[in-house]
């Protein structure tokens, strides 16, 4: 079992950037693919990005391609989400999850963090 803790959320102006981090503990971090999802108030949790256990394969949701970058540092047991050119519609709770592969479905992720909030002002 892995425990995940997200950080790095905050309030930014449209066009700004945020860098989210998700620190893993309690299990072998390198054994898991990692994903980021987000959830706006009143909406379902949607896929943002995922990265393979080795870091050599990534996937992104259509709405964030070209603006967000997912990466991982195995030595730090951390996965990052660099978010650039932020838009008001990017606001929401951002959650990281651990899973078995680079997938865009919630059902493929077993463990979740508590989330970190990102707000983008127009």
N, C-alpha and C. Protein backbone atom coordinates (compact mmCIF):
# COMPACT_ATOMS: atom_id res chain seq x y z
N UNK A 1 0.84 -1.19 0.00
CA UNK A 1 0.00 0.00 0.00
C UNK A 1 0.87 1.24 0.00
N UNK A 2 0.47 2.24 -0.75
CA UNK A 2 1.23 3.47 -0.84
C UNK A 2 0.37 4.63 -0.33
N UNK A 3 0.99 5.53 0.40
CA UNK A 3 0.33 6.74 0.87
C UNK A 3 0.79 7.92 0.03
N UNK A 4 -0.16 8.72 -0.42
CA UNK A 4 0.14 9.83 -1.32
C UNK A 4 -0.27 11.16 -0.70
N UNK A 5 0.60 12.15 -0.81
CA UNK A 5 0.31 13.48 -0.28
C UNK A 5 0.62 14.51 -1.34
N UNK A 6 -0.40 15.26 -1.74
CA UNK A 6 -0.22 16.29 -2.76
C UNK A 6 0.08 17.65 -2.12
N UNK A 7 0.77 18.49 -2.87
CA UNK A 7 1.04 19.87 -2.43
C UNK A 7 1.26 20.73 -3.66
N UNK A 8 1.31 22.05 -3.43
CA UNK A 8 1.65 22.97 -4.51
C UNK A 8 0.49 23.74 -5.09
N UNK A 9 -0.72 23.47 -4.64
CA UNK A 9 -1.85 24.22 -5.15
C UNK A 9 -1.84 25.65 -4.67
N UNK A 10 -2.71 26.46 -5.25
CA UNK A 10 -2.79 27.86 -4.85
C UNK A 10 -3.64 28.66 -5.81
N UNK A 11 -3.57 29.97 -5.67
CA UNK A 11 -4.32 30.89 -6.52
C UNK A 11 -3.36 31.59 -7.47
N UNK A 12 -3.67 31.54 -8.76
CA UNK A 12 -2.85 32.21 -9.76
C UNK A 12 -3.76 32.93 -10.73
N UNK A 13 -3.18 33.89 -11.44
CA UNK A 13 -3.90 34.57 -12.50
C UNK A 13 -3.89 33.72 -13.76
N UNK A 14 -4.88 33.91 -14.61
CA UNK A 14 -4.89 33.22 -15.89
C UNK A 14 -3.59 33.52 -16.64
N UNK A 15 -3.04 32.47 -17.24
CA UNK A 15 -1.76 32.60 -17.92
C UNK A 15 -0.57 32.25 -17.04
N UNK A 16 -0.81 32.11 -15.76
CA UNK A 16 0.25 31.79 -14.82
C UNK A 16 0.53 30.30 -14.75
N UNK A 17 1.37 29.94 -13.77
CA UNK A 17 1.82 28.55 -13.63
C UNK A 17 1.73 28.08 -12.19
N UNK A 18 1.57 26.79 -12.05
CA UNK A 18 1.66 26.12 -10.76
C UNK A 18 2.43 24.82 -10.97
N UNK A 19 3.13 24.41 -9.93
CA UNK A 19 3.80 23.11 -9.97
C UNK A 19 3.31 22.29 -8.78
N UNK A 20 2.63 21.22 -9.08
CA UNK A 20 2.11 20.34 -8.05
C UNK A 20 3.09 19.20 -7.81
N UNK A 21 3.12 18.72 -6.58
CA UNK A 21 3.95 17.59 -6.22
C UNK A 21 3.10 16.55 -5.48
N UNK A 22 3.44 15.31 -5.67
CA UNK A 22 2.79 14.21 -4.98
C UNK A 22 3.88 13.30 -4.43
N UNK A 23 3.98 13.25 -3.11
CA UNK A 23 5.02 12.45 -2.46
C UNK A 23 4.41 11.13 -2.02
N UNK A 24 5.10 10.05 -2.35
CA UNK A 24 4.63 8.71 -2.03
C UNK A 24 5.46 8.11 -0.90
N UNK A 25 4.79 7.36 -0.05
CA UNK A 25 5.49 6.65 1.01
C UNK A 25 4.77 5.36 1.33
N UNK A 26 5.48 4.44 1.97
CA UNK A 26 4.85 3.22 2.46
C UNK A 26 4.96 2.02 1.56
N UNK A 27 5.43 2.22 0.32
CA UNK A 27 5.56 1.07 -0.56
C UNK A 27 6.62 1.38 -1.60
N UNK A 28 6.78 0.52 -2.56
CA UNK A 28 7.79 0.70 -3.59
C UNK A 28 7.26 1.63 -4.66
N UNK A 29 7.67 2.89 -4.60
CA UNK A 29 7.16 3.92 -5.52
C UNK A 29 7.39 3.52 -6.96
N UNK A 30 8.55 2.95 -7.24
CA UNK A 30 8.90 2.65 -8.63
C UNK A 30 8.07 1.52 -9.23
N UNK A 31 7.26 0.86 -8.43
CA UNK A 31 6.44 -0.23 -8.95
C UNK A 31 5.14 0.27 -9.56
N UNK A 32 4.85 1.55 -9.41
CA UNK A 32 3.54 2.05 -9.81
C UNK A 32 3.63 3.10 -10.92
N UNK A 33 2.65 3.03 -11.80
CA UNK A 33 2.39 4.19 -12.65
C UNK A 33 1.66 5.21 -11.78
N UNK A 34 1.77 6.47 -12.15
CA UNK A 34 1.15 7.53 -11.37
C UNK A 34 0.30 8.41 -12.28
N UNK A 35 -0.79 8.88 -11.75
CA UNK A 35 -1.67 9.74 -12.53
C UNK A 35 -2.14 10.94 -11.75
N UNK A 36 -2.48 11.99 -12.47
CA UNK A 36 -3.12 13.17 -11.90
C UNK A 36 -4.53 13.30 -12.49
N UNK A 37 -5.46 13.55 -11.61
CA UNK A 37 -6.84 13.83 -12.01
C UNK A 37 -7.26 15.13 -11.35
N UNK A 38 -8.30 15.74 -11.88
CA UNK A 38 -8.81 16.95 -11.23
C UNK A 38 -10.33 16.89 -11.18
N UNK A 39 -10.85 17.64 -10.24
CA UNK A 39 -12.30 17.65 -10.04
C UNK A 39 -12.76 19.06 -9.68
N UNK A 40 -13.57 19.63 -10.56
CA UNK A 40 -14.17 20.93 -10.29
C UNK A 40 -15.46 20.73 -9.50
N UNK A 41 -15.90 21.73 -8.75
CA UNK A 41 -17.15 21.60 -8.00
C UNK A 41 -18.30 21.20 -8.90
N UNK A 42 -19.03 20.17 -8.48
CA UNK A 42 -20.19 19.72 -9.23
C UNK A 42 -19.88 18.88 -10.45
N UNK A 43 -18.60 18.56 -10.64
CA UNK A 43 -18.20 17.78 -11.82
C UNK A 43 -17.55 16.48 -11.41
N UNK A 44 -17.46 15.58 -12.37
CA UNK A 44 -16.77 14.32 -12.11
C UNK A 44 -15.27 14.52 -12.17
N UNK A 45 -14.56 13.62 -11.52
CA UNK A 45 -13.10 13.66 -11.57
C UNK A 45 -12.66 13.30 -12.98
N UNK A 46 -11.78 14.12 -13.56
CA UNK A 46 -11.34 13.90 -14.94
C UNK A 46 -9.83 13.69 -15.01
N UNK A 47 -9.44 12.94 -15.99
CA UNK A 47 -8.04 12.61 -16.20
C UNK A 47 -7.25 13.83 -16.68
N UNK A 48 -6.08 14.01 -16.08
CA UNK A 48 -5.18 15.10 -16.48
C UNK A 48 -3.92 14.54 -17.13
N UNK A 49 -3.22 13.67 -16.43
CA UNK A 49 -1.95 13.15 -16.97
C UNK A 49 -1.56 11.88 -16.21
N UNK A 50 -0.72 11.06 -16.85
CA UNK A 50 -0.21 9.86 -16.21
C UNK A 50 1.20 9.60 -16.71
N UNK A 51 1.96 8.88 -15.90
CA UNK A 51 3.34 8.55 -16.24
C UNK A 51 3.63 7.13 -15.80
N UNK A 52 4.40 6.41 -16.60
CA UNK A 52 4.73 5.02 -16.30
C UNK A 52 5.68 4.93 -15.12
N UNK A 53 5.85 3.70 -14.61
CA UNK A 53 6.72 3.52 -13.45
C UNK A 53 8.15 3.91 -13.77
N UNK A 54 8.58 3.73 -15.02
CA UNK A 54 9.93 4.09 -15.39
C UNK A 54 10.08 5.52 -15.89
N UNK A 55 8.97 6.20 -16.07
CA UNK A 55 9.01 7.57 -16.55
C UNK A 55 9.15 7.72 -18.05
N UNK A 56 9.14 6.61 -18.79
CA UNK A 56 9.38 6.69 -20.23
C UNK A 56 8.11 6.77 -21.06
N UNK A 57 6.98 6.71 -20.41
CA UNK A 57 5.71 6.79 -21.12
C UNK A 57 4.77 7.74 -20.37
N UNK A 58 4.16 8.66 -21.11
CA UNK A 58 3.23 9.61 -20.48
C UNK A 58 1.97 9.72 -21.33
N UNK A 59 0.94 10.23 -20.73
CA UNK A 59 -0.32 10.48 -21.43
C UNK A 59 -0.97 11.71 -20.81
N UNK A 60 -1.72 12.44 -21.63
CA UNK A 60 -2.35 13.67 -21.17
C UNK A 60 -3.80 13.75 -21.65
N UNK A 61 -4.60 14.41 -20.84
CA UNK A 61 -5.95 14.72 -21.27
C UNK A 61 -5.91 15.76 -22.38
N UNK A 62 -6.90 15.74 -23.25
CA UNK A 62 -6.89 16.64 -24.41
C UNK A 62 -6.85 18.11 -24.00
N UNK A 63 -7.49 18.45 -22.91
CA UNK A 63 -7.60 19.85 -22.53
C UNK A 63 -6.30 20.43 -21.97
N UNK A 64 -5.32 19.57 -21.65
CA UNK A 64 -4.09 20.07 -21.05
C UNK A 64 -2.86 19.81 -21.91
N UNK A 65 -3.01 19.12 -23.02
CA UNK A 65 -1.88 18.82 -23.88
C UNK A 65 -1.19 20.11 -24.33
N UNK A 66 0.13 20.09 -24.23
CA UNK A 66 0.92 21.25 -24.63
C UNK A 66 1.08 22.29 -23.55
N UNK A 67 0.33 22.16 -22.46
CA UNK A 67 0.41 23.13 -21.35
C UNK A 67 0.92 22.50 -20.06
N UNK A 68 0.58 21.24 -19.83
CA UNK A 68 0.96 20.56 -18.59
C UNK A 68 2.03 19.51 -18.90
N UNK A 69 2.89 19.27 -17.92
CA UNK A 69 3.93 18.25 -18.06
C UNK A 69 4.01 17.44 -16.77
N UNK A 70 3.93 16.13 -16.92
CA UNK A 70 4.07 15.24 -15.77
C UNK A 70 5.48 14.66 -15.76
N UNK A 71 6.06 14.53 -14.58
CA UNK A 71 7.39 13.93 -14.46
C UNK A 71 7.48 13.26 -13.10
N UNK A 72 8.52 12.46 -12.92
CA UNK A 72 8.70 11.80 -11.64
C UNK A 72 10.16 11.75 -11.27
N UNK A 73 10.42 11.77 -9.99
CA UNK A 73 11.77 11.66 -9.47
C UNK A 73 11.77 10.48 -8.51
N UNK A 74 12.34 9.38 -8.95
CA UNK A 74 12.30 8.16 -8.15
C UNK A 74 13.11 8.29 -6.87
N UNK A 75 14.19 9.05 -6.92
CA UNK A 75 15.03 9.23 -5.73
C UNK A 75 14.26 9.96 -4.63
N UNK A 76 13.31 10.81 -5.04
CA UNK A 76 12.53 11.59 -4.08
C UNK A 76 11.14 10.98 -3.85
N UNK A 77 10.83 9.89 -4.53
CA UNK A 77 9.49 9.28 -4.45
C UNK A 77 8.40 10.30 -4.74
N UNK A 78 8.62 11.10 -5.76
CA UNK A 78 7.72 12.21 -6.02
C UNK A 78 7.35 12.27 -7.50
N UNK A 79 6.10 12.58 -7.77
CA UNK A 79 5.65 12.85 -9.13
C UNK A 79 5.19 14.30 -9.16
N UNK A 80 5.52 14.97 -10.24
CA UNK A 80 5.23 16.39 -10.38
C UNK A 80 4.24 16.63 -11.53
N UNK A 81 3.52 17.73 -11.42
CA UNK A 81 2.69 18.20 -12.52
C UNK A 81 2.96 19.68 -12.70
N UNK A 82 3.68 20.01 -13.77
CA UNK A 82 3.95 21.40 -14.10
C UNK A 82 2.81 21.91 -14.96
N UNK A 83 2.15 22.95 -14.50
CA UNK A 83 0.98 23.48 -15.19
C UNK A 83 1.27 24.91 -15.64
N UNK A 84 1.32 25.10 -16.94
CA UNK A 84 1.60 26.41 -17.52
C UNK A 84 0.38 26.92 -18.29
N UNK A 85 0.40 28.21 -18.58
CA UNK A 85 -0.69 28.84 -19.35
C UNK A 85 -2.05 28.47 -18.78
N UNK A 86 -2.17 28.61 -17.48
CA UNK A 86 -3.39 28.18 -16.81
C UNK A 86 -4.59 29.01 -17.23
N UNK A 87 -5.72 28.35 -17.28
CA UNK A 87 -6.99 28.96 -17.66
C UNK A 87 -7.97 28.83 -16.50
N UNK A 88 -8.98 29.67 -16.42
CA UNK A 88 -9.97 29.54 -15.34
C UNK A 88 -10.59 28.15 -15.27
N UNK A 89 -10.76 27.50 -16.41
CA UNK A 89 -11.36 26.17 -16.42
C UNK A 89 -10.43 25.09 -15.89
N UNK A 90 -9.19 25.44 -15.58
CA UNK A 90 -8.28 24.48 -14.97
C UNK A 90 -8.46 24.39 -13.45
N UNK A 91 -9.31 25.20 -12.90
CA UNK A 91 -9.49 25.23 -11.45
C UNK A 91 -10.10 23.91 -10.97
N UNK A 92 -9.78 23.58 -9.71
CA UNK A 92 -10.36 22.38 -9.13
C UNK A 92 -9.42 21.73 -8.15
N UNK A 93 -9.87 20.64 -7.56
CA UNK A 93 -9.01 19.84 -6.72
C UNK A 93 -8.20 18.90 -7.58
N UNK A 94 -6.89 18.84 -7.34
CA UNK A 94 -6.00 17.98 -8.11
C UNK A 94 -5.57 16.82 -7.22
N UNK A 95 -5.75 15.62 -7.75
CA UNK A 95 -5.50 14.40 -6.98
C UNK A 95 -4.51 13.51 -7.72
N UNK A 96 -3.57 12.93 -6.99
CA UNK A 96 -2.70 11.95 -7.62
C UNK A 96 -3.11 10.56 -7.18
N UNK A 97 -2.90 9.62 -8.07
CA UNK A 97 -3.24 8.24 -7.80
C UNK A 97 -2.15 7.31 -8.28
N UNK A 98 -2.06 6.15 -7.66
CA UNK A 98 -1.09 5.13 -8.08
C UNK A 98 -1.85 3.98 -8.73
N UNK A 99 -1.26 3.46 -9.80
CA UNK A 99 -1.94 2.41 -10.52
C UNK A 99 -0.98 1.49 -11.25
N UNK A 100 -1.56 0.64 -12.09
CA UNK A 100 -0.78 -0.40 -12.75
C UNK A 100 -0.29 -0.03 -14.13
N UNK A 101 -0.73 1.08 -14.70
CA UNK A 101 -0.31 1.46 -16.04
C UNK A 101 -0.71 2.88 -16.36
N UNK A 102 -0.27 3.34 -17.50
CA UNK A 102 -0.57 4.71 -17.94
C UNK A 102 -1.99 4.70 -18.52
N UNK A 103 -2.96 4.96 -17.68
CA UNK A 103 -4.36 4.87 -18.07
C UNK A 103 -5.10 6.15 -17.74
N UNK A 104 -6.21 6.38 -18.45
CA UNK A 104 -6.96 7.61 -18.22
C UNK A 104 -8.27 7.37 -17.47
N UNK A 105 -8.47 6.18 -16.98
CA UNK A 105 -9.70 5.87 -16.25
C UNK A 105 -9.46 5.75 -14.76
N UNK A 106 -10.40 6.27 -13.98
CA UNK A 106 -10.30 6.21 -12.53
C UNK A 106 -10.15 4.78 -12.02
N UNK A 107 -10.77 3.84 -12.72
CA UNK A 107 -10.80 2.46 -12.24
C UNK A 107 -9.45 1.79 -12.24
N UNK A 108 -8.47 2.40 -12.89
CA UNK A 108 -7.14 1.79 -12.97
C UNK A 108 -6.22 2.23 -11.84
N UNK A 109 -6.71 3.08 -10.96
CA UNK A 109 -5.89 3.62 -9.88
C UNK A 109 -6.44 3.12 -8.54
N UNK A 110 -5.52 2.68 -7.69
CA UNK A 110 -5.91 2.03 -6.45
C UNK A 110 -5.86 2.94 -5.23
N UNK A 111 -4.86 3.78 -5.16
CA UNK A 111 -4.66 4.64 -4.00
C UNK A 111 -4.71 6.09 -4.45
N UNK A 112 -5.23 6.94 -3.57
CA UNK A 112 -5.38 8.35 -3.88
C UNK A 112 -4.90 9.20 -2.72
N UNK A 113 -4.42 10.39 -3.07
CA UNK A 113 -4.11 11.37 -2.05
C UNK A 113 -5.35 12.18 -1.71
N UNK A 114 -5.19 13.13 -0.79
CA UNK A 114 -6.30 13.96 -0.34
C UNK A 114 -6.56 15.15 -1.26
N UNK A 115 -5.62 15.43 -2.13
CA UNK A 115 -5.82 16.49 -3.10
C UNK A 115 -5.25 17.82 -2.69
N UNK A 116 -5.00 18.66 -3.69
CA UNK A 116 -4.57 20.03 -3.46
C UNK A 116 -5.36 20.92 -4.40
N UNK A 117 -5.75 22.08 -3.92
CA UNK A 117 -6.67 22.93 -4.66
C UNK A 117 -5.93 23.94 -5.54
N UNK A 118 -6.36 24.01 -6.78
CA UNK A 118 -5.82 25.01 -7.69
C UNK A 118 -6.93 25.94 -8.14
N UNK A 119 -6.71 27.24 -8.02
CA UNK A 119 -7.69 28.23 -8.43
C UNK A 119 -7.05 29.19 -9.41
N UNK A 120 -7.73 29.45 -10.51
CA UNK A 120 -7.21 30.33 -11.55
C UNK A 120 -8.17 31.49 -11.72
N UNK A 121 -7.69 32.68 -11.45
CA UNK A 121 -8.51 33.88 -11.59
C UNK A 121 -8.42 34.42 -13.01
N UNK A 122 -9.57 34.81 -13.52
CA UNK A 122 -9.61 35.32 -14.90
C UNK A 122 -8.93 36.69 -15.01
